[in-house]
């Protein structure tokens, strides 16, 4: 019985964590941060790709 009680407590804790995570994920500031982070990642990838292209061209010449 004691093990069962711990299992139920764990399930309740996990449900609460998921609920809080969902609330946080839906905050406007969090959504904006994630959008900005994605934009920054895209920019860095573009810069990295441009550098690689230039390096390949320089080595081929």
C-alpha atoms as a PDB file:
ATOM      1  CA  UNK A   1       0.000   0.000   0.000  1.00  0.00           C
ATOM      2  CA  UNK A   2       2.806   2.420   0.790  1.00  0.00           C
ATOM      3  CA  UNK A   3       4.273   1.959  -2.676  1.00  0.00           C
ATOM      4  CA  UNK A   4       0.876   2.718  -4.225  1.00  0.00           C
ATOM      5  CA  UNK A   5       0.643   5.969  -2.281  1.00  0.00           C
ATOM      6  CA  UNK A   6       4.019   7.081  -3.592  1.00  0.00           C
ATOM      7  CA  UNK A   7       3.004   6.192  -7.130  1.00  0.00           C
ATOM      8  CA  UNK A   8      -0.166   8.269  -6.868  1.00  0.00           C
ATOM      9  CA  UNK A   9       1.766  11.170  -5.358  1.00  0.00           C
ATOM     10  CA  UNK A  10       4.247  10.934  -8.212  1.00  0.00           C
ATOM     11  CA  UNK A  11       1.441  10.951 -10.794  1.00  0.00           C
ATOM     12  CA  UNK A  12      -0.109  13.995  -9.130  1.00  0.00           C
ATOM     13  CA  UNK A  13       3.250  15.771  -9.061  1.00  0.00           C
ATOM     14  CA  UNK A  14       3.844  15.016 -12.731  1.00  0.00           C
ATOM     15  CA  UNK A  15       0.370  16.285 -13.621  1.00  0.00           C
ATOM     16  CA  UNK A  16       0.989  19.508 -11.692  1.00  0.00           C
ATOM     17  CA  UNK A  17       4.364  19.960 -13.378  1.00  0.00           C
ATOM     18  CA  UNK A  18       2.766  19.510 -16.800  1.00  0.00           C
ATOM     19  CA  UNK A  19       0.016  21.983 -15.902  1.00  0.00           C
ATOM     20  CA  UNK A  20       2.567  24.582 -14.789  1.00  0.00           C
ATOM     21  CA  UNK A  21       4.712  23.957 -17.871  1.00  0.00           C
ATOM     22  CA  UNK A  22       1.682  24.543 -20.073  1.00  0.00           C
ATOM     23  CA  UNK A  23       0.847  27.769 -18.252  1.00  0.00           C
ATOM     24  CA  UNK A  24       4.421  28.998 -18.647  1.00  0.00           C
ATOM     25  CA  UNK A  25       4.539  28.009 -22.317  1.00  0.00           C
ATOM     26  CA  UNK A  26       1.420  30.075 -22.961  1.00  0.00           C
ATOM     27  CA  UNK A  27       2.700  33.260 -21.347  1.00  0.00           C
ATOM     28  CA  UNK A  28       3.087  35.996 -23.990  1.00  0.00           C
ATOM     29  CA  UNK A  29       6.629  36.799 -22.853  1.00  0.00           C
ATOM     30  CA  UNK A  30       7.641  33.146 -23.199  1.00  0.00           C
ATOM     31  CA  UNK A  31       6.085  32.843 -26.662  1.00  0.00           C
ATOM     32  CA  UNK A  32       7.845  36.054 -27.748  1.00  0.00           C
ATOM     33  CA  UNK A  33      11.152  34.838 -26.339  1.00  0.00           C
ATOM     34  CA  UNK A  34      10.867  31.542 -28.196  1.00  0.00           C
ATOM     35  CA  UNK A  35      10.025  33.369 -31.421  1.00  0.00           C
ATOM     36  CA  UNK A  36      13.018  35.670 -30.971  1.00  0.00           C
ATOM     37  CA  UNK A  37      15.228  32.701 -30.156  1.00  0.00           C
ATOM     38  CA  UNK A  38      14.065  30.935 -33.307  1.00  0.00           C
ATOM     39  CA  UNK A  39      14.738  34.055 -35.380  1.00  0.00           C
ATOM     40  CA  UNK A  40      18.225  34.346 -33.875  1.00  0.00           C
ATOM     41  CA  UNK A  41      18.912  30.679 -34.611  1.00  0.00           C
ATOM     42  CA  UNK A  42      17.782  31.160 -38.217  1.00  0.00           C
ATOM     43  CA  UNK A  43      20.057  34.196 -38.575  1.00  0.00           C
ATOM     44  CA  UNK A  44      23.034  32.338 -37.124  1.00  0.00           C
ATOM     45  CA  UNK A  45      22.401  29.407 -39.451  1.00  0.00           C
ATOM     46  CA  UNK A  46      22.256  31.758 -42.424  1.00  0.00           C
ATOM     47  CA  UNK A  47      25.523  33.427 -41.394  1.00  0.00           C
ATOM     48  CA  UNK A  48      27.170  30.043 -40.881  1.00  0.00           C
ATOM     49  CA  UNK A  49      26.002  28.875 -44.305  1.00  0.00           C
ATOM     50  CA  UNK A  50      27.339  32.056 -45.929  1.00  0.00           C
ATOM     51  CA  UNK A  51      30.716  31.609 -44.243  1.00  0.00           C
ATOM     52  CA  UNK A  52      30.906  27.990 -45.396  1.00  0.00           C
ATOM     53  CA  UNK A  53      30.082  28.951 -48.977  1.00  0.00           C
ATOM     54  CA  UNK A  54      32.728  31.676 -48.950  1.00  0.00           C
ATOM     55  CA  UNK A  55      35.333  29.343 -47.463  1.00  0.00           C
ATOM     56  CA  UNK A  56      34.606  26.692 -50.092  1.00  0.00           C
ATOM     57  CA  UNK A  57      34.928  29.285 -52.846  1.00  0.00           C
ATOM     58  CA  UNK A  58      38.213  30.554 -51.387  1.00  0.00           C
ATOM     59  CA  UNK A  59      39.677  27.052 -51.205  1.00  0.00           C
ATOM     60  CA  UNK A  60      38.564  26.197 -54.742  1.00  0.00           C
ATOM     61  CA  UNK A  61      40.330  29.234 -56.209  1.00  0.00           C
END
